[in-house]
Every structure is written in C-alpha cells, then in structure tokens.
Amino acid sequence: MLCNKCGSSISETVNYCGQCGEDLRVTKGGVNQSIAGDNGFSAGQHNVFTGNNINLGMRDEKPKAFIDRESVKPVKLMGKHIKTAWLMVVGFVGFFANVATIFTSIGTPNNYNMILWLLCSFSGFLFVLGFLLKRFRFMPLIFQRNAESDRSGYVYITKLSGNCALCDGELKLRHLGPKNNKKMFLCCTRNPEHRCPFDPTILNDPIN
C-alpha cells in the first residue's frame, strides 16, 4: 500500500504513514478511491469522473421522454380572449336560467324543451370546465385536444406531442387505471408498454 501524500510504501494494518504522518483511515475506508489506468476518479458512493464525463450520484439512469405543445389556440369570443372566470359566470347563469325556463313551462305545450335541456347541459359543462381550469389549469378534452389556462386565467385549446424515449414512436396522452382512479400517462403509439406518468404542472404557460 502506498501513502497518498508522500508515496512511501506502508503496511495496510497501520493508520498513519511512518514517513509523513498522513492519516490513512479515510483512504482505507473507501470514501475516496483513485482508480489507475482509466483516467477515472470515484468520489463518494456514486459520483464518478471519467475523462471529460461527470456522473453525480446517478446509477442506471433511464431514458427521458420529452413532450411539448404542438399547437396553441386561444379561445376567443367576439375577438376577446376568454378567461376561466367568464366560463364559470356564463355557465352558472345559463344553467339556472335554463332550469327556471324548463320548470316554468311544465304543463304547457313547448317544442323547445329538448333544446333547453341541451343548453342547460352545455352551461353546466362551461361552469365545470371553468372551475377545473381555475383549479388545475389543465383539462383533457377529445380528439387529443386539451383545455389549458395560464396564470392570468386566459383559456387555450392545445395539443401535446412528443417522441418516445425508447423507440421512434409518438407519444399520446391516455387515461389509464381503475374506473374511479384513472391517471394520465404518456403512451407510445408503437409499443403501448412504453409509457410514463404525465404531470401537467411541469408545462410552462401556453404561449400563442
């Protein structure tokens, strides 16, 4: 065994170098180890320096999938960008206005009840959508489209896309799991086994 400080040959049973007094317990304990012959140096448990590459505390790192918005379209009415508060107010007022109209027309011939029920359902949908966007700022819709809102409350219709980290397939957003506890996953179109959980909070504000 060689002393790290002066290079003197010493026994592995001693704790101090007899030539320079260097403390050998750290080296013997394996905290820092020099590896000769490969231009590498290991510091601590999992920190490895090899040539120009540095690996800090990571072992068996898995490939990472990257996803971003393919399209961003602001939701506008008469040229004005709609906000979540507008959806909630219009939905709330429209729902109760249509319910009141339906109940006041009970017992009288009315050919518009079906239309009123549809308007009532749509108003309820707007209120729920506005509430969820205000709370979570992300809501999956249909045809791979999503409703999103930024920190100011403005509403957008977006589409996400990305490439699988394990193959050349495309990533799509899917809801998987038990009926009452479905979660969002990014699933590969080429191999359904290639999937990972999706957290919409990692996305930045949508920019048109």
N, C-alpha and C. Protein backbone atom coordinates (compact mmCIF):
# COMPACT_ATOMS: atom_id res chain seq x y z
N MET A 1 0.85 -1.20 0.00
CA MET A 1 0.00 0.00 0.00
C MET A 1 0.88 1.25 0.00
N LEU A 2 0.51 2.26 -0.78
CA LEU A 2 1.29 3.48 -0.90
C LEU A 2 0.58 4.65 -0.23
N CYS A 3 1.36 5.50 0.42
CA CYS A 3 0.80 6.70 1.04
C CYS A 3 0.39 7.68 -0.05
N ASN A 4 -0.81 8.27 0.08
CA ASN A 4 -1.31 9.21 -0.92
C ASN A 4 -0.53 10.53 -0.92
N LYS A 5 0.11 10.84 0.20
CA LYS A 5 0.78 12.13 0.32
C LYS A 5 2.24 12.09 -0.13
N CYS A 6 3.01 11.11 0.41
CA CYS A 6 4.44 11.07 0.10
C CYS A 6 4.84 9.91 -0.78
N GLY A 7 3.93 8.94 -1.00
CA GLY A 7 4.22 7.82 -1.87
C GLY A 7 5.02 6.71 -1.24
N SER A 8 5.25 6.77 0.07
CA SER A 8 6.04 5.73 0.74
C SER A 8 5.26 4.44 0.82
N SER A 9 5.97 3.32 0.78
CA SER A 9 5.35 2.01 0.91
C SER A 9 5.08 1.73 2.38
N ILE A 10 3.82 1.42 2.70
CA ILE A 10 3.45 1.20 4.10
C ILE A 10 2.57 -0.02 4.21
N SER A 11 2.46 -0.55 5.42
CA SER A 11 1.63 -1.72 5.68
C SER A 11 0.16 -1.34 5.72
N GLU A 12 -0.72 -2.24 5.32
CA GLU A 12 -2.17 -1.98 5.32
C GLU A 12 -2.76 -2.02 6.72
N THR A 13 -1.98 -2.44 7.70
CA THR A 13 -2.50 -2.56 9.07
C THR A 13 -2.32 -1.27 9.87
N VAL A 14 -1.53 -0.30 9.36
CA VAL A 14 -1.29 0.93 10.12
C VAL A 14 -2.28 2.00 9.69
N ASN A 15 -2.53 2.96 10.58
CA ASN A 15 -3.48 4.04 10.33
C ASN A 15 -2.80 5.35 9.94
N TYR A 16 -1.47 5.45 10.15
CA TYR A 16 -0.75 6.67 9.84
C TYR A 16 0.54 6.32 9.11
N CYS A 17 0.93 7.17 8.17
CA CYS A 17 2.19 6.97 7.44
C CYS A 17 3.36 7.25 8.37
N GLY A 18 4.35 6.32 8.39
CA GLY A 18 5.50 6.49 9.25
C GLY A 18 6.46 7.54 8.76
N GLN A 19 6.35 7.97 7.49
CA GLN A 19 7.26 8.95 6.93
C GLN A 19 6.75 10.38 7.07
N CYS A 20 5.44 10.58 6.75
CA CYS A 20 4.92 11.96 6.78
C CYS A 20 3.77 12.16 7.77
N GLY A 21 3.27 11.06 8.35
CA GLY A 21 2.20 11.18 9.35
C GLY A 21 0.81 11.32 8.76
N GLU A 22 0.65 11.07 7.45
CA GLU A 22 -0.65 11.19 6.79
C GLU A 22 -1.66 10.22 7.40
N ASP A 23 -2.89 10.70 7.65
CA ASP A 23 -3.97 9.86 8.17
C ASP A 23 -4.47 8.96 7.03
N LEU A 24 -4.36 7.65 7.21
CA LEU A 24 -4.71 6.70 6.15
C LEU A 24 -6.10 6.09 6.33
N ARG A 25 -6.83 6.48 7.37
CA ARG A 25 -8.12 5.84 7.64
C ARG A 25 -9.18 6.19 6.61
N VAL A 26 -9.15 7.42 6.06
CA VAL A 26 -10.13 7.82 5.04
C VAL A 26 -9.95 6.99 3.78
N THR A 27 -8.66 6.82 3.37
CA THR A 27 -8.38 6.04 2.17
C THR A 27 -8.76 4.59 2.35
N LYS A 28 -8.46 4.05 3.52
CA LYS A 28 -8.78 2.64 3.78
C LYS A 28 -10.28 2.41 3.88
N GLY A 29 -11.03 3.44 4.33
CA GLY A 29 -12.48 3.28 4.48
C GLY A 29 -13.23 3.30 3.18
N GLY A 30 -12.59 3.69 2.10
CA GLY A 30 -13.23 3.62 0.79
C GLY A 30 -14.08 4.82 0.44
N VAL A 31 -13.90 5.94 1.18
CA VAL A 31 -14.68 7.11 0.84
C VAL A 31 -14.21 7.70 -0.47
N ASN A 32 -12.89 7.89 -0.62
CA ASN A 32 -12.33 8.35 -1.88
C ASN A 32 -11.37 7.31 -2.41
N GLN A 33 -11.53 6.88 -3.63
CA GLN A 33 -10.68 5.86 -4.21
C GLN A 33 -10.15 6.33 -5.55
N SER A 34 -8.84 6.20 -5.72
CA SER A 34 -8.23 6.50 -7.01
C SER A 34 -8.20 5.23 -7.83
N ILE A 35 -8.57 5.32 -9.09
CA ILE A 35 -8.59 4.17 -9.98
C ILE A 35 -7.57 4.41 -11.07
N ALA A 36 -6.53 3.61 -11.10
CA ALA A 36 -5.44 3.83 -12.05
C ALA A 36 -5.74 3.14 -13.36
N GLY A 37 -5.28 3.76 -14.45
CA GLY A 37 -5.32 3.09 -15.75
C GLY A 37 -6.49 3.48 -16.63
N ASP A 38 -7.52 4.16 -16.11
CA ASP A 38 -8.66 4.50 -16.95
C ASP A 38 -9.01 5.98 -16.89
N ASN A 39 -8.11 6.80 -16.34
CA ASN A 39 -8.34 8.25 -16.24
C ASN A 39 -9.60 8.57 -15.46
N GLY A 40 -9.99 7.70 -14.53
CA GLY A 40 -11.21 7.91 -13.76
C GLY A 40 -10.92 8.15 -12.30
N PHE A 41 -11.87 8.79 -11.64
CA PHE A 41 -11.74 9.03 -10.22
C PHE A 41 -13.11 8.91 -9.59
N SER A 42 -13.22 8.14 -8.51
CA SER A 42 -14.50 7.94 -7.84
C SER A 42 -14.50 8.68 -6.53
N ALA A 43 -15.47 9.60 -6.35
CA ALA A 43 -15.56 10.37 -5.11
C ALA A 43 -16.89 10.08 -4.44
N GLY A 44 -16.85 9.58 -3.22
CA GLY A 44 -18.08 9.22 -2.53
C GLY A 44 -18.62 7.90 -3.03
N GLN A 45 -19.94 7.72 -2.94
CA GLN A 45 -20.55 6.44 -3.30
C GLN A 45 -20.81 6.31 -4.79
N HIS A 46 -21.50 7.30 -5.40
CA HIS A 46 -21.95 7.15 -6.78
C HIS A 46 -21.47 8.29 -7.68
N ASN A 47 -20.50 9.11 -7.22
CA ASN A 47 -20.02 10.21 -8.05
C ASN A 47 -18.78 9.76 -8.80
N VAL A 48 -18.84 9.73 -10.11
CA VAL A 48 -17.76 9.18 -10.91
C VAL A 48 -17.30 10.19 -11.94
N PHE A 49 -16.00 10.41 -12.01
CA PHE A 49 -15.39 11.30 -13.00
C PHE A 49 -14.57 10.43 -13.95
N THR A 50 -14.93 10.37 -15.22
CA THR A 50 -14.21 9.55 -16.18
C THR A 50 -13.89 10.39 -17.40
N GLY A 51 -12.59 10.67 -17.58
CA GLY A 51 -12.22 11.55 -18.69
C GLY A 51 -12.89 12.90 -18.55
N ASN A 52 -13.72 13.28 -19.57
CA ASN A 52 -14.45 14.55 -19.53
C ASN A 52 -15.89 14.38 -19.06
N ASN A 53 -16.28 13.15 -18.68
CA ASN A 53 -17.66 12.88 -18.26
C ASN A 53 -17.77 12.86 -16.76
N ILE A 54 -18.84 13.47 -16.24
CA ILE A 54 -19.08 13.51 -14.81
C ILE A 54 -20.46 12.94 -14.52
N ASN A 55 -20.51 11.96 -13.63
CA ASN A 55 -21.77 11.35 -13.23
C ASN A 55 -21.94 11.57 -11.74
N LEU A 56 -22.86 12.44 -11.34
CA LEU A 56 -23.04 12.81 -9.94
C LEU A 56 -24.22 12.07 -9.34
N GLY A 57 -23.92 11.06 -8.54
CA GLY A 57 -24.95 10.40 -7.76
C GLY A 57 -26.01 9.70 -8.55
N MET A 58 -25.78 9.30 -9.81
CA MET A 58 -26.82 8.68 -10.63
C MET A 58 -26.34 7.32 -11.09
N ARG A 59 -27.22 6.32 -10.94
CA ARG A 59 -26.92 4.99 -11.42
C ARG A 59 -28.09 4.48 -12.23
N ASP A 60 -27.79 3.80 -13.33
CA ASP A 60 -28.83 3.20 -14.17
C ASP A 60 -29.88 4.23 -14.57
N GLU A 61 -29.44 5.38 -15.05
CA GLU A 61 -30.38 6.43 -15.45
C GLU A 61 -31.23 5.96 -16.62
N LYS A 62 -32.54 6.12 -16.52
CA LYS A 62 -33.47 5.70 -17.56
C LYS A 62 -33.63 6.82 -18.60
N PRO A 63 -33.92 6.45 -19.84
CA PRO A 63 -34.17 7.48 -20.87
C PRO A 63 -35.37 8.34 -20.48
N LYS A 64 -35.32 9.61 -20.86
CA LYS A 64 -36.38 10.55 -20.53
C LYS A 64 -37.17 10.92 -21.77
N ALA A 65 -38.48 10.95 -21.61
CA ALA A 65 -39.34 11.36 -22.72
C ALA A 65 -39.59 12.86 -22.62
N PHE A 66 -39.60 13.53 -23.77
CA PHE A 66 -39.84 14.97 -23.81
C PHE A 66 -41.12 15.23 -24.60
N ILE A 67 -41.96 16.09 -24.05
CA ILE A 67 -43.24 16.40 -24.70
C ILE A 67 -43.46 17.90 -24.65
N ASP A 68 -44.11 18.43 -25.67
CA ASP A 68 -44.37 19.87 -25.73
C ASP A 68 -45.66 20.09 -26.50
N ARG A 69 -46.13 21.34 -26.50
CA ARG A 69 -47.37 21.66 -27.21
C ARG A 69 -47.11 21.75 -28.71
N GLU A 70 -47.89 21.01 -29.46
CA GLU A 70 -47.81 21.06 -30.91
C GLU A 70 -48.58 22.24 -31.46
N SER A 71 -49.68 22.58 -30.82
CA SER A 71 -50.48 23.74 -31.23
C SER A 71 -51.10 24.39 -30.02
N VAL A 72 -51.25 25.71 -30.10
CA VAL A 72 -51.86 26.50 -29.03
C VAL A 72 -52.80 27.50 -29.67
N LYS A 73 -54.10 27.40 -29.35
CA LYS A 73 -55.09 28.31 -29.92
C LYS A 73 -55.88 28.98 -28.79
N PRO A 74 -55.82 30.30 -28.71
CA PRO A 74 -56.60 30.99 -27.67
C PRO A 74 -58.09 30.89 -27.95
N VAL A 75 -58.87 30.74 -26.90
CA VAL A 75 -60.34 30.68 -27.03
C VAL A 75 -60.86 32.11 -26.97
N LYS A 76 -61.49 32.56 -28.05
CA LYS A 76 -61.96 33.94 -28.14
C LYS A 76 -63.45 33.99 -28.45
N LEU A 77 -64.08 35.06 -28.00
CA LEU A 77 -65.47 35.35 -28.31
C LEU A 77 -65.56 36.81 -28.72
N MET A 78 -65.98 37.04 -29.95
CA MET A 78 -66.06 38.39 -30.50
C MET A 78 -64.71 39.10 -30.39
N GLY A 79 -63.66 38.36 -30.64
CA GLY A 79 -62.32 38.94 -30.65
C GLY A 79 -61.66 39.08 -29.30
N LYS A 80 -62.37 38.74 -28.22
CA LYS A 80 -61.81 38.88 -26.88
C LYS A 80 -61.42 37.52 -26.32
N HIS A 81 -60.23 37.47 -25.74
CA HIS A 81 -59.72 36.23 -25.17
C HIS A 81 -60.50 35.89 -23.89
N ILE A 82 -61.05 34.68 -23.86
CA ILE A 82 -61.90 34.26 -22.74
C ILE A 82 -61.06 33.81 -21.55
N LYS A 83 -61.57 34.11 -20.34
CA LYS A 83 -60.90 33.70 -19.11
C LYS A 83 -61.76 32.67 -18.37
N THR A 84 -61.14 31.98 -17.43
CA THR A 84 -61.85 30.95 -16.67
C THR A 84 -63.03 31.53 -15.89
N ALA A 85 -62.87 32.74 -15.36
CA ALA A 85 -63.96 33.36 -14.61
C ALA A 85 -65.18 33.57 -15.50
N TRP A 86 -64.95 33.92 -16.76
CA TRP A 86 -66.06 34.11 -17.70
C TRP A 86 -66.80 32.80 -17.91
N LEU A 87 -66.08 31.70 -18.07
CA LEU A 87 -66.72 30.40 -18.24
C LEU A 87 -67.58 30.05 -17.04
N MET A 88 -67.08 30.31 -15.85
CA MET A 88 -67.82 29.98 -14.63
C MET A 88 -69.09 30.82 -14.50
N VAL A 89 -68.98 32.13 -14.76
CA VAL A 89 -70.14 33.01 -14.63
C VAL A 89 -71.20 32.68 -15.67
N VAL A 90 -70.80 32.55 -16.93
CA VAL A 90 -71.75 32.25 -18.00
C VAL A 90 -72.38 30.88 -17.78
N GLY A 91 -71.56 29.90 -17.38
CA GLY A 91 -72.10 28.58 -17.12
C GLY A 91 -73.10 28.56 -15.98
N PHE A 92 -72.78 29.27 -14.90
CA PHE A 92 -73.67 29.31 -13.73
C PHE A 92 -75.00 29.99 -14.07
N VAL A 93 -74.91 31.17 -14.69
CA VAL A 93 -76.13 31.91 -15.03
C VAL A 93 -76.95 31.15 -16.06
N GLY A 94 -76.30 30.62 -17.09
CA GLY A 94 -77.02 29.90 -18.14
C GLY A 94 -77.71 28.66 -17.62
N PHE A 95 -77.05 27.93 -16.72
CA PHE A 95 -77.64 26.70 -16.17
C PHE A 95 -78.95 27.00 -15.44
N PHE A 96 -78.90 27.95 -14.50
CA PHE A 96 -80.11 28.21 -13.71
C PHE A 96 -81.17 28.93 -14.53
N ALA A 97 -80.78 29.72 -15.51
CA ALA A 97 -81.77 30.38 -16.36
C ALA A 97 -82.53 29.33 -17.18
N ASN A 98 -81.82 28.34 -17.71
CA ASN A 98 -82.48 27.30 -18.49
C ASN A 98 -83.32 26.38 -17.62
N VAL A 99 -82.85 26.08 -16.42
CA VAL A 99 -83.64 25.25 -15.50
C VAL A 99 -84.92 25.97 -15.12
N ALA A 100 -84.83 27.26 -14.84
CA ALA A 100 -86.03 28.03 -14.48
C ALA A 100 -87.02 28.06 -15.63
N THR A 101 -86.51 28.21 -16.86
CA THR A 101 -87.39 28.23 -18.04
C THR A 101 -88.09 26.89 -18.22
N ILE A 102 -87.37 25.80 -18.00
CA ILE A 102 -87.95 24.46 -18.16
C ILE A 102 -89.05 24.23 -17.15
N PHE A 103 -88.81 24.62 -15.88
CA PHE A 103 -89.81 24.36 -14.85
C PHE A 103 -91.03 25.28 -14.99
N THR A 104 -90.84 26.49 -15.46
CA THR A 104 -91.99 27.37 -15.64
C THR A 104 -92.86 26.94 -16.82
N SER A 105 -92.29 26.13 -17.72
CA SER A 105 -93.05 25.68 -18.90
C SER A 105 -93.69 24.32 -18.69
N ILE A 106 -93.54 23.75 -17.48
CA ILE A 106 -94.17 22.45 -17.21
C ILE A 106 -95.69 22.59 -17.26
N GLY A 107 -96.34 21.69 -17.94
CA GLY A 107 -97.79 21.71 -18.07
C GLY A 107 -98.28 22.49 -19.26
N THR A 108 -97.38 23.15 -19.96
CA THR A 108 -97.78 23.89 -21.15
C THR A 108 -97.05 23.30 -22.36
N PRO A 109 -97.71 23.26 -23.51
CA PRO A 109 -97.05 22.72 -24.72
C PRO A 109 -95.80 23.54 -25.06
N ASN A 110 -94.70 22.86 -25.23
CA ASN A 110 -93.45 23.54 -25.54
C ASN A 110 -92.59 22.64 -26.41
N ASN A 111 -92.28 23.11 -27.60
CA ASN A 111 -91.48 22.31 -28.51
C ASN A 111 -89.98 22.54 -28.34
N TYR A 112 -89.62 23.37 -27.36
CA TYR A 112 -88.21 23.72 -27.21
C TYR A 112 -87.58 23.12 -25.96
N ASN A 113 -88.27 22.22 -25.29
CA ASN A 113 -87.72 21.64 -24.06
C ASN A 113 -86.40 20.91 -24.30
N MET A 114 -86.32 20.18 -25.40
CA MET A 114 -85.09 19.44 -25.70
C MET A 114 -83.92 20.41 -25.90
N ILE A 115 -84.18 21.50 -26.60
CA ILE A 115 -83.13 22.50 -26.80
C ILE A 115 -82.72 23.13 -25.48
N LEU A 116 -83.72 23.39 -24.62
CA LEU A 116 -83.42 23.98 -23.31
C LEU A 116 -82.57 23.05 -22.46
N TRP A 117 -82.88 21.74 -22.51
CA TRP A 117 -82.07 20.77 -21.76
C TRP A 117 -80.65 20.70 -22.29
N LEU A 118 -80.50 20.79 -23.59
CA LEU A 118 -79.16 20.80 -24.18
C LEU A 118 -78.38 22.04 -23.76
N LEU A 119 -79.06 23.20 -23.78
CA LEU A 119 -78.42 24.43 -23.34
C LEU A 119 -78.06 24.36 -21.85
N CYS A 120 -78.94 23.72 -21.09
CA CYS A 120 -78.68 23.57 -19.66
C CYS A 120 -77.44 22.71 -19.43
N SER A 121 -77.32 21.60 -20.17
CA SER A 121 -76.15 20.72 -20.05
C SER A 121 -74.88 21.44 -20.48
N PHE A 122 -74.97 22.21 -21.56
CA PHE A 122 -73.81 22.94 -22.04
C PHE A 122 -73.36 23.99 -21.04
N SER A 123 -74.33 24.67 -20.43
CA SER A 123 -73.99 25.68 -19.42
C SER A 123 -73.30 25.03 -18.22
N GLY A 124 -73.82 23.86 -17.81
CA GLY A 124 -73.17 23.14 -16.72
C GLY A 124 -71.75 22.73 -17.07
N PHE A 125 -71.54 22.31 -18.32
CA PHE A 125 -70.21 21.94 -18.77
C PHE A 125 -69.26 23.13 -18.72
N LEU A 126 -69.74 24.31 -19.15
CA LEU A 126 -68.89 25.50 -19.11
C LEU A 126 -68.48 25.85 -17.69
N PHE A 127 -69.44 25.73 -16.76
CA PHE A 127 -69.11 26.05 -15.36
C PHE A 127 -68.07 25.09 -14.81
N VAL A 128 -68.26 23.78 -15.03
CA VAL A 128 -67.33 22.78 -14.53
C VAL A 128 -65.95 22.96 -15.17
N LEU A 129 -65.93 23.22 -16.49
CA LEU A 129 -64.67 23.43 -17.18
C LEU A 129 -63.92 24.64 -16.62
N GLY A 130 -64.64 25.74 -16.43
CA GLY A 130 -64.00 26.93 -15.87
C GLY A 130 -63.46 26.70 -14.48
N PHE A 131 -64.23 25.96 -13.66
CA PHE A 131 -63.77 25.67 -12.30
C PHE A 131 -62.52 24.81 -12.30
N LEU A 132 -62.52 23.73 -13.13
CA LEU A 132 -61.36 22.84 -13.17
C LEU A 132 -60.12 23.54 -13.74
N LEU A 133 -60.33 24.40 -14.74
CA LEU A 133 -59.19 25.13 -15.28
C LEU A 133 -58.63 26.12 -14.27
N LYS A 134 -59.49 26.73 -13.50
CA LYS A 134 -59.04 27.66 -12.47
C LYS A 134 -58.26 26.91 -11.38
N ARG A 135 -58.70 25.67 -11.11
CA ARG A 135 -58.05 24.87 -10.06
C ARG A 135 -56.79 24.17 -10.55
N PHE A 136 -56.85 23.51 -11.71
CA PHE A 136 -55.74 22.68 -12.17
C PHE A 136 -55.01 23.23 -13.41
N ARG A 137 -55.68 24.15 -14.14
CA ARG A 137 -55.10 24.78 -15.35
C ARG A 137 -54.85 23.80 -16.49
N PHE A 138 -55.38 22.58 -16.39
CA PHE A 138 -55.23 21.60 -17.47
C PHE A 138 -56.42 20.65 -17.42
N MET A 139 -57.06 20.42 -18.59
CA MET A 139 -58.21 19.54 -18.67
C MET A 139 -58.23 18.84 -20.01
N PRO A 140 -58.05 17.52 -20.06
CA PRO A 140 -58.11 16.80 -21.35
C PRO A 140 -59.52 16.85 -21.93
N LEU A 141 -59.61 17.04 -23.24
CA LEU A 141 -60.89 17.05 -23.93
C LEU A 141 -60.98 15.81 -24.83
N ILE A 142 -61.35 15.97 -26.08
CA ILE A 142 -61.46 14.86 -27.01
C ILE A 142 -60.56 15.13 -28.21
N PHE A 143 -60.34 14.08 -29.01
CA PHE A 143 -59.52 14.17 -30.23
C PHE A 143 -58.12 14.71 -29.93
N GLN A 144 -57.55 14.25 -28.80
CA GLN A 144 -56.19 14.63 -28.41
C GLN A 144 -56.02 16.13 -28.16
N ARG A 145 -57.14 16.79 -27.86
CA ARG A 145 -57.07 18.21 -27.53
C ARG A 145 -57.24 18.40 -26.02
N ASN A 146 -56.70 19.51 -25.53
CA ASN A 146 -56.77 19.82 -24.11
C ASN A 146 -57.17 21.27 -23.92
N ALA A 147 -57.87 21.53 -22.83
CA ALA A 147 -58.16 22.91 -22.43
C ALA A 147 -57.14 23.29 -21.36
N GLU A 148 -56.49 24.44 -21.54
CA GLU A 148 -55.50 24.91 -20.58
C GLU A 148 -55.75 26.37 -20.27
N SER A 149 -55.27 26.77 -19.13
CA SER A 149 -55.32 28.20 -18.78
C SER A 149 -53.97 28.61 -18.23
N ASP A 150 -53.60 29.87 -18.45
CA ASP A 150 -52.34 30.36 -17.91
C ASP A 150 -52.57 30.95 -16.52
N ARG A 151 -51.52 31.51 -15.96
CA ARG A 151 -51.63 32.05 -14.60
C ARG A 151 -52.57 33.25 -14.52
N SER A 152 -52.82 33.90 -15.65
CA SER A 152 -53.75 35.03 -15.67
C SER A 152 -55.19 34.59 -15.88
N GLY A 153 -55.40 33.29 -16.15
CA GLY A 153 -56.75 32.77 -16.31
C GLY A 153 -57.22 32.69 -17.75
N TYR A 154 -56.41 33.09 -18.72
CA TYR A 154 -56.82 33.01 -20.12
C TYR A 154 -56.85 31.56 -20.59
N VAL A 155 -57.84 31.23 -21.42
CA VAL A 155 -58.10 29.84 -21.81
C VAL A 155 -57.56 29.56 -23.21
N TYR A 156 -56.99 28.37 -23.37
CA TYR A 156 -56.44 27.94 -24.65
C TYR A 156 -56.87 26.50 -24.95
N ILE A 157 -56.93 26.18 -26.23
CA ILE A 157 -57.09 24.79 -26.68
C ILE A 157 -55.73 24.36 -27.23
N THR A 158 -55.17 23.29 -26.67
CA THR A 158 -53.83 22.88 -27.04
C THR A 158 -53.80 21.41 -27.45
N LYS A 159 -52.72 21.05 -28.12
CA LYS A 159 -52.45 19.67 -28.47
C LYS A 159 -51.01 19.36 -28.11
N LEU A 160 -50.80 18.27 -27.37
CA LEU A 160 -49.47 17.87 -26.96
C LEU A 160 -48.91 16.81 -27.90
N SER A 161 -47.61 16.81 -28.08
CA SER A 161 -46.96 15.78 -28.87
C SER A 161 -45.54 15.59 -28.36
N GLY A 162 -44.98 14.43 -28.66
CA GLY A 162 -43.62 14.13 -28.23
C GLY A 162 -43.17 12.81 -28.82
N ASN A 163 -41.91 12.50 -28.64
CA ASN A 163 -41.32 11.28 -29.16
C ASN A 163 -40.96 10.34 -28.01
N CYS A 164 -41.19 9.06 -28.24
CA CYS A 164 -40.88 8.04 -27.23
C CYS A 164 -39.37 8.01 -27.00
N ALA A 165 -38.97 7.83 -25.75
CA ALA A 165 -37.54 7.79 -25.42
C ALA A 165 -36.93 6.42 -25.70
N LEU A 166 -37.77 5.40 -25.92
CA LEU A 166 -37.26 4.05 -26.10
C LEU A 166 -37.32 3.57 -27.54
N CYS A 167 -38.15 4.22 -28.38
CA CYS A 167 -38.25 3.83 -29.78
C CYS A 167 -38.61 5.08 -30.59
N ASP A 168 -38.99 4.88 -31.86
CA ASP A 168 -39.32 6.05 -32.70
C ASP A 168 -40.82 6.31 -32.76
N GLY A 169 -41.55 5.80 -31.78
CA GLY A 169 -43.00 6.03 -31.74
C GLY A 169 -43.35 7.42 -31.24
N GLU A 170 -44.61 7.79 -31.45
CA GLU A 170 -45.11 9.09 -31.00
C GLU A 170 -45.84 8.92 -29.68
N LEU A 171 -45.75 9.92 -28.81
CA LEU A 171 -46.40 9.87 -27.51
C LEU A 171 -47.79 10.50 -27.59
N LYS A 172 -48.76 9.81 -26.97
CA LYS A 172 -50.13 10.31 -26.88
C LYS A 172 -50.57 10.28 -25.42
N LEU A 173 -51.45 11.21 -25.08
CA LEU A 173 -51.97 11.28 -23.72
C LEU A 173 -53.12 10.30 -23.56
N ARG A 174 -53.05 9.45 -22.53
CA ARG A 174 -54.09 8.45 -22.27
C ARG A 174 -54.45 8.46 -20.80
N HIS A 175 -55.72 8.07 -20.52
CA HIS A 175 -56.17 7.88 -19.14
C HIS A 175 -56.21 6.39 -18.85
N LEU A 176 -55.42 5.94 -17.90
CA LEU A 176 -55.32 4.53 -17.58
C LEU A 176 -55.52 4.32 -16.09
N GLY A 177 -55.96 3.10 -15.74
CA GLY A 177 -56.14 2.75 -14.34
C GLY A 177 -57.58 2.37 -14.03
N PRO A 178 -57.87 2.12 -12.74
CA PRO A 178 -59.24 1.77 -12.33
C PRO A 178 -60.24 2.86 -12.72
N LYS A 179 -61.49 2.47 -12.84
CA LYS A 179 -62.53 3.38 -13.31
C LYS A 179 -62.62 4.64 -12.47
N ASN A 180 -62.51 4.49 -11.15
CA ASN A 180 -62.67 5.64 -10.26
C ASN A 180 -61.33 6.30 -9.89
N ASN A 181 -60.25 5.81 -10.48
CA ASN A 181 -58.94 6.38 -10.14
C ASN A 181 -58.03 6.39 -11.36
N LYS A 182 -58.52 6.92 -12.46
CA LYS A 182 -57.71 6.98 -13.68
C LYS A 182 -56.67 8.09 -13.58
N LYS A 183 -55.50 7.80 -14.15
CA LYS A 183 -54.42 8.77 -14.15
C LYS A 183 -53.93 8.99 -15.58
N MET A 184 -53.28 10.14 -15.80
CA MET A 184 -52.80 10.48 -17.14
C MET A 184 -51.42 9.88 -17.38
N PHE A 185 -51.27 9.25 -18.55
CA PHE A 185 -50.00 8.67 -18.94
C PHE A 185 -49.65 9.12 -20.36
N LEU A 186 -48.36 9.20 -20.62
CA LEU A 186 -47.87 9.38 -21.98
C LEU A 186 -47.58 8.00 -22.54
N CYS A 187 -48.32 7.59 -23.57
CA CYS A 187 -48.21 6.25 -24.11
C CYS A 187 -47.66 6.29 -25.53
N CYS A 188 -46.78 5.36 -25.84
CA CYS A 188 -46.18 5.27 -27.16
C CYS A 188 -47.17 4.63 -28.12
N THR A 189 -47.29 5.18 -29.32
CA THR A 189 -48.22 4.62 -30.31
C THR A 189 -47.68 3.35 -30.94
N ARG A 190 -46.39 3.13 -30.87
CA ARG A 190 -45.78 1.94 -31.46
C ARG A 190 -45.76 0.77 -30.49
N ASN A 191 -45.45 1.03 -29.24
CA ASN A 191 -45.42 -0.01 -28.21
C ASN A 191 -46.13 0.50 -26.97
N PRO A 192 -47.35 0.01 -26.68
CA PRO A 192 -48.11 0.51 -25.54
C PRO A 192 -47.42 0.30 -24.19
N GLU A 193 -46.43 -0.61 -24.15
CA GLU A 193 -45.71 -0.84 -22.91
C GLU A 193 -44.76 0.32 -22.58
N HIS A 194 -44.44 1.12 -23.59
CA HIS A 194 -43.60 2.29 -23.36
C HIS A 194 -44.49 3.44 -22.89
N ARG A 195 -44.54 3.66 -21.62
CA ARG A 195 -45.40 4.72 -21.09
C ARG A 195 -44.83 5.23 -19.78
N CYS A 196 -45.24 6.44 -19.42
CA CYS A 196 -44.79 7.05 -18.18
C CYS A 196 -45.88 8.00 -17.68
N PRO A 197 -45.96 8.22 -16.38
CA PRO A 197 -46.97 9.15 -15.84
C PRO A 197 -46.76 10.56 -16.37
N PHE A 198 -47.86 11.29 -16.55
CA PHE A 198 -47.79 12.66 -17.06
C PHE A 198 -48.25 13.63 -15.99
N ASP A 199 -47.43 14.62 -15.71
CA ASP A 199 -47.75 15.67 -14.73
C ASP A 199 -47.86 16.99 -15.48
N PRO A 200 -49.08 17.50 -15.68
CA PRO A 200 -49.25 18.74 -16.46
C PRO A 200 -48.65 19.97 -15.80
N THR A 201 -48.34 19.89 -14.51
CA THR A 201 -47.78 21.06 -13.82
C THR A 201 -46.36 21.37 -14.28
N ILE A 202 -45.71 20.44 -14.99
CA ILE A 202 -44.35 20.69 -15.46
C ILE A 202 -44.34 21.60 -16.69
N LEU A 203 -45.49 21.80 -17.32
CA LEU A 203 -45.56 22.63 -18.52
C LEU A 203 -45.56 24.12 -18.16
N ASN A 204 -44.91 24.89 -18.99
CA ASN A 204 -44.95 26.35 -18.81
C ASN A 204 -46.29 26.89 -19.29
N ASP A 205 -46.52 28.16 -19.04
CA ASP A 205 -47.75 28.79 -19.53
C ASP A 205 -47.84 28.68 -21.05
N PRO A 206 -49.03 28.36 -21.59
CA PRO A 206 -49.17 28.30 -23.05
C PRO A 206 -48.97 29.69 -23.65
N ILE A 207 -48.22 29.72 -24.78
CA ILE A 207 -47.96 30.98 -25.48
C ILE A 207 -48.42 30.82 -26.91
N ASN A 208 -49.29 31.70 -27.34
CA ASN A 208 -49.82 31.62 -28.71
C ASN A 208 -48.74 32.04 -29.71
